[in-house]
C-alpha atoms as a PDB file:
ATOM      1  CA  UNK A   1     -38.211  39.945 -40.937  1.00  0.00           C
ATOM      2  CA  UNK A   2     -36.484  40.061 -44.302  1.00  0.00           C
ATOM      3  CA  UNK A   3     -35.038  37.573 -46.733  1.00  0.00           C
ATOM      4  CA  UNK A   4     -32.156  36.464 -44.480  1.00  0.00           C
ATOM      5  CA  UNK A   5     -34.378  35.554 -41.523  1.00  0.00           C
ATOM      6  CA  UNK A   6     -37.139  34.117 -43.699  1.00  0.00           C
ATOM      7  CA  UNK A   7     -34.678  31.948 -45.613  1.00  0.00           C
ATOM      8  CA  UNK A   8     -33.159  30.528 -42.438  1.00  0.00           C
ATOM      9  CA  UNK A   9     -36.584  29.812 -40.889  1.00  0.00           C
ATOM     10  CA  UNK A  10     -38.048  28.281 -44.066  1.00  0.00           C
ATOM     11  CA  UNK A  11     -34.989  26.123 -44.728  1.00  0.00           C
ATOM     12  CA  UNK A  12     -35.046  24.809 -41.164  1.00  0.00           C
ATOM     13  CA  UNK A  13     -38.803  24.159 -41.386  1.00  0.00           C
ATOM     14  CA  UNK A  14     -38.168  21.989 -44.458  1.00  0.00           C
ATOM     15  CA  UNK A  15     -35.458  20.094 -42.571  1.00  0.00           C
ATOM     16  CA  UNK A  16     -32.779  21.091 -45.073  1.00  0.00           C
ATOM     17  CA  UNK A  17     -29.132  21.752 -44.311  1.00  0.00           C
ATOM     18  CA  UNK A  18     -27.491  24.780 -45.924  1.00  0.00           C
ATOM     19  CA  UNK A  19     -25.447  22.482 -48.174  1.00  0.00           C
ATOM     20  CA  UNK A  20     -28.580  20.632 -49.326  1.00  0.00           C
ATOM     21  CA  UNK A  21     -30.345  23.862 -50.247  1.00  0.00           C
ATOM     22  CA  UNK A  22     -27.219  25.102 -52.004  1.00  0.00           C
ATOM     23  CA  UNK A  23     -27.003  21.880 -54.028  1.00  0.00           C
ATOM     24  CA  UNK A  24     -30.678  22.206 -54.965  1.00  0.00           C
ATOM     25  CA  UNK A  25     -30.144  25.630 -56.525  1.00  0.00           C
ATOM     26  CA  UNK A  26     -26.559  25.276 -57.716  1.00  0.00           C
ATOM     27  CA  UNK A  27     -24.699  27.421 -55.186  1.00  0.00           C
ATOM     28  CA  UNK A  28     -22.322  26.608 -52.351  1.00  0.00           C
ATOM     29  CA  UNK A  29     -23.146  26.086 -48.692  1.00  0.00           C
ATOM     30  CA  UNK A  30     -21.100  29.217 -47.975  1.00  0.00           C
ATOM     31  CA  UNK A  31     -23.339  31.252 -50.291  1.00  0.00           C
ATOM     32  CA  UNK A  32     -26.454  30.043 -48.448  1.00  0.00           C
ATOM     33  CA  UNK A  33     -24.777  30.838 -45.122  1.00  0.00           C
ATOM     34  CA  UNK A  34     -24.027  34.378 -46.343  1.00  0.00           C
ATOM     35  CA  UNK A  35     -27.619  34.836 -47.548  1.00  0.00           C
ATOM     36  CA  UNK A  36     -28.912  33.764 -44.135  1.00  0.00           C
ATOM     37  CA  UNK A  37     -26.462  36.064 -42.347  1.00  0.00           C
ATOM     38  CA  UNK A  38     -27.528  38.987 -44.525  1.00  0.00           C
ATOM     39  CA  UNK A  39     -23.994  39.362 -45.890  1.00  0.00           C
ATOM     40  CA  UNK A  40     -25.103  38.728 -49.475  1.00  0.00           C
ATOM     41  CA  UNK A  41     -28.410  39.079 -51.242  1.00  0.00           C
ATOM     42  CA  UNK A  42     -29.378  36.964 -54.249  1.00  0.00           C
ATOM     43  CA  UNK A  43     -30.578  38.599 -57.447  1.00  0.00           C
ATOM     44  CA  UNK A  44     -34.138  37.896 -58.613  1.00  0.00           C
ATOM     45  CA  UNK A  45     -33.338  34.597 -60.415  1.00  0.00           C
ATOM     46  CA  UNK A  46     -31.653  33.353 -57.229  1.00  0.00           C
ATOM     47  CA  UNK A  47     -34.639  34.401 -55.132  1.00  0.00           C
ATOM     48  CA  UNK A  48     -36.949  32.498 -57.491  1.00  0.00           C
ATOM     49  CA  UNK A  49     -34.701  29.412 -57.320  1.00  0.00           C
ATOM     50  CA  UNK A  50     -34.639  29.535 -53.509  1.00  0.00           C
ATOM     51  CA  UNK A  51     -38.412  29.965 -53.345  1.00  0.00           C
ATOM     52  CA  UNK A  52     -38.973  27.037 -55.720  1.00  0.00           C
ATOM     53  CA  UNK A  53     -36.583  24.799 -53.777  1.00  0.00           C
ATOM     54  CA  UNK A  54     -38.387  25.656 -50.535  1.00  0.00           C
ATOM     55  CA  UNK A  55     -41.878  25.352 -52.029  1.00  0.00           C
ATOM     56  CA  UNK A  56     -42.824  28.924 -51.147  1.00  0.00           C
ATOM     57  CA  UNK A  57     -43.559  32.083 -53.087  1.00  0.00           C
ATOM     58  CA  UNK A  58     -40.806  34.602 -53.754  1.00  0.00           C
ATOM     59  CA  UNK A  59     -43.029  37.162 -52.029  1.00  0.00           C
ATOM     60  CA  UNK A  60     -43.162  35.075 -48.844  1.00  0.00           C
ATOM     61  CA  UNK A  61     -39.404  34.586 -48.936  1.00  0.00           C
ATOM     62  CA  UNK A  62     -38.749  38.329 -49.242  1.00  0.00           C
ATOM     63  CA  UNK A  63     -41.550  39.683 -47.054  1.00  0.00           C
ATOM     64  CA  UNK A  64     -40.650  42.279 -44.471  1.00  0.00           C
ATOM     65  CA  UNK A  65     -43.672  44.129 -43.141  1.00  0.00           C
ATOM     66  CA  UNK A  66     -41.697  45.923 -40.486  1.00  0.00           C
ATOM     67  CA  UNK A  67     -40.907  45.186 -36.917  1.00  0.00           C
ATOM     68  CA  UNK A  68     -42.332  48.268 -35.238  1.00  0.00           C
ATOM     69  CA  UNK A  69     -45.971  49.212 -34.698  1.00  0.00           C
ATOM     70  CA  UNK A  70     -45.458  52.280 -36.898  1.00  0.00           C
ATOM     71  CA  UNK A  71     -44.115  50.192 -39.791  1.00  0.00           C
ATOM     72  CA  UNK A  72     -46.950  47.679 -39.425  1.00  0.00           C
ATOM     73  CA  UNK A  73     -49.602  50.412 -39.410  1.00  0.00           C
ATOM     74  CA  UNK A  74     -47.981  52.078 -42.431  1.00  0.00           C
ATOM     75  CA  UNK A  75     -48.312  48.727 -44.249  1.00  0.00           C
ATOM     76  CA  UNK A  76     -52.008  48.645 -43.264  1.00  0.00           C
ATOM     77  CA  UNK A  77     -52.434  52.184 -44.614  1.00  0.00           C
ATOM     78  CA  UNK A  78     -51.126  50.920 -47.963  1.00  0.00           C
ATOM     79  CA  UNK A  79     -53.621  48.036 -47.892  1.00  0.00           C
ATOM     80  CA  UNK A  80     -56.406  50.494 -47.077  1.00  0.00           C
ATOM     81  CA  UNK A  81     -55.572  52.629 -50.112  1.00  0.00           C
ATOM     82  CA  UNK A  82     -55.035  49.780 -52.554  1.00  0.00           C
ATOM     83  CA  UNK A  83     -57.589  47.200 -51.430  1.00  0.00           C
ATOM     84  CA  UNK A  84     -60.204  48.966 -49.323  1.00  0.00           C
ATOM     85  CA  UNK A  85     -59.395  47.405 -45.947  1.00  0.00           C
ATOM     86  CA  UNK A  86     -60.481  49.704 -43.111  1.00  0.00           C
ATOM     87  CA  UNK A  87     -60.693  49.655 -39.315  1.00  0.00           C
ATOM     88  CA  UNK A  88     -64.152  49.426 -37.744  1.00  0.00           C
ATOM     89  CA  UNK A  89     -65.382  48.883 -34.194  1.00  0.00           C
ATOM     90  CA  UNK A  90     -67.347  45.705 -33.402  1.00  0.00           C
ATOM     91  CA  UNK A  91     -68.424  44.915 -29.838  1.00  0.00           C
ATOM     92  CA  UNK A  92     -65.807  47.296 -28.454  1.00  0.00           C
ATOM     93  CA  UNK A  93     -62.981  45.774 -30.519  1.00  0.00           C
ATOM     94  CA  UNK A  94     -61.246  47.431 -33.440  1.00  0.00           C
ATOM     95  CA  UNK A  95     -61.196  44.991 -36.361  1.00  0.00           C
ATOM     96  CA  UNK A  96     -60.223  45.253 -40.009  1.00  0.00           C
ATOM     97  CA  UNK A  97     -63.010  44.950 -42.568  1.00  0.00           C
ATOM     98  CA  UNK A  98     -63.412  44.718 -46.320  1.00  0.00           C
ATOM     99  CA  UNK A  99     -66.234  46.356 -48.252  1.00  0.00           C
ATOM    100  CA  UNK A 100     -69.263  44.045 -48.497  1.00  0.00           C
ATOM    101  CA  UNK A 101     -69.239  44.452 -52.279  1.00  0.00           C
ATOM    102  CA  UNK A 102     -65.670  44.547 -53.636  1.00  0.00           C
ATOM    103  CA  UNK A 103     -65.330  47.116 -56.418  1.00  0.00           C
ATOM    104  CA  UNK A 104     -62.247  45.778 -58.187  1.00  0.00           C
ATOM    105  CA  UNK A 105     -60.845  42.342 -59.082  1.00  0.00           C
ATOM    106  CA  UNK A 106     -57.997  43.031 -56.649  1.00  0.00           C
ATOM    107  CA  UNK A 107     -60.434  43.710 -53.803  1.00  0.00           C
ATOM    108  CA  UNK A 108     -62.328  40.532 -54.684  1.00  0.00           C
ATOM    109  CA  UNK A 109     -59.125  38.455 -54.663  1.00  0.00           C
ATOM    110  CA  UNK A 110     -58.080  40.058 -51.375  1.00  0.00           C
ATOM    111  CA  UNK A 111     -61.463  39.264 -49.795  1.00  0.00           C
ATOM    112  CA  UNK A 112     -61.131  35.605 -50.881  1.00  0.00           C
ATOM    113  CA  UNK A 113     -57.611  35.494 -49.449  1.00  0.00           C
ATOM    114  CA  UNK A 114     -58.822  36.894 -46.120  1.00  0.00           C
ATOM    115  CA  UNK A 115     -61.561  34.257 -45.941  1.00  0.00           C
ATOM    116  CA  UNK A 116     -58.978  31.557 -46.667  1.00  0.00           C
ATOM    117  CA  UNK A 117     -56.724  32.967 -43.939  1.00  0.00           C
ATOM    118  CA  UNK A 118     -59.656  33.060 -41.500  1.00  0.00           C
ATOM    119  CA  UNK A 119     -60.477  29.383 -42.111  1.00  0.00           C
ATOM    120  CA  UNK A 120     -56.860  28.258 -41.711  1.00  0.00           C
ATOM    121  CA  UNK A 121     -56.353  30.362 -38.584  1.00  0.00           C
ATOM    122  CA  UNK A 122     -59.582  28.964 -37.096  1.00  0.00           C
ATOM    123  CA  UNK A 123     -58.400  25.417 -37.842  1.00  0.00           C
ATOM    124  CA  UNK A 124     -55.036  26.211 -36.237  1.00  0.00           C
ATOM    125  CA  UNK A 125     -56.707  27.690 -33.131  1.00  0.00           C
ATOM    126  CA  UNK A 126     -58.945  24.615 -32.847  1.00  0.00           C
ATOM    127  CA  UNK A 127     -55.980  22.239 -33.102  1.00  0.00           C
ATOM    128  CA  UNK A 128     -56.848  20.920 -36.550  1.00  0.00           C
ATOM    129  CA  UNK A 129     -53.590  22.327 -37.973  1.00  0.00           C
ATOM    130  CA  UNK A 130     -50.222  22.011 -36.240  1.00  0.00           C
ATOM    131  CA  UNK A 131     -47.993  25.088 -35.946  1.00  0.00           C
ATOM    132  CA  UNK A 132     -45.742  23.631 -38.669  1.00  0.00           C
ATOM    133  CA  UNK A 133     -48.736  23.080 -40.979  1.00  0.00           C
ATOM    134  CA  UNK A 134     -50.085  26.574 -40.349  1.00  0.00           C
ATOM    135  CA  UNK A 135     -46.747  28.298 -40.944  1.00  0.00           C
ATOM    136  CA  UNK A 136     -46.098  26.157 -44.037  1.00  0.00           C
ATOM    137  CA  UNK A 137     -49.509  27.226 -45.382  1.00  0.00           C
ATOM    138  CA  UNK A 138     -48.669  30.892 -44.768  1.00  0.00           C
ATOM    139  CA  UNK A 139     -45.266  30.560 -46.435  1.00  0.00           C
ATOM    140  CA  UNK A 140     -46.684  28.884 -49.539  1.00  0.00           C
ATOM    141  CA  UNK A 141     -49.841  31.009 -49.820  1.00  0.00           C
ATOM    142  CA  UNK A 142     -50.618  32.608 -53.178  1.00  0.00           C
ATOM    143  CA  UNK A 143     -53.785  34.660 -53.686  1.00  0.00           C
END
């Protein structure tokens, strides 16, 4: 899912019409429609303005981790190399694990982010967060 799909989903989740979002960032409804259709792509200042208007990070707005298993695993390979995440087997299940003692500030920040994700996902699974609240948290998350 890239910018076009993310923008449409995030705008709808905020209850905004295309014209309202356009007004908020100083572009026309038609421009927003073209962004959402993937016919146009905003430059970085436009991406930042959209993200700010939606209350999300620019990274969340632009994320596209791939739609195939191969693309998703390639993204995990990158995380393994950069942040130390690795697959391990626990009780017959393959899970992803961080080193017990992070070696870099990036690994430490990533470990904190994973713990935060775990707590929010647990709360969602237990009904303490609604789907809208959980997805809004994911969209606005910054490590």
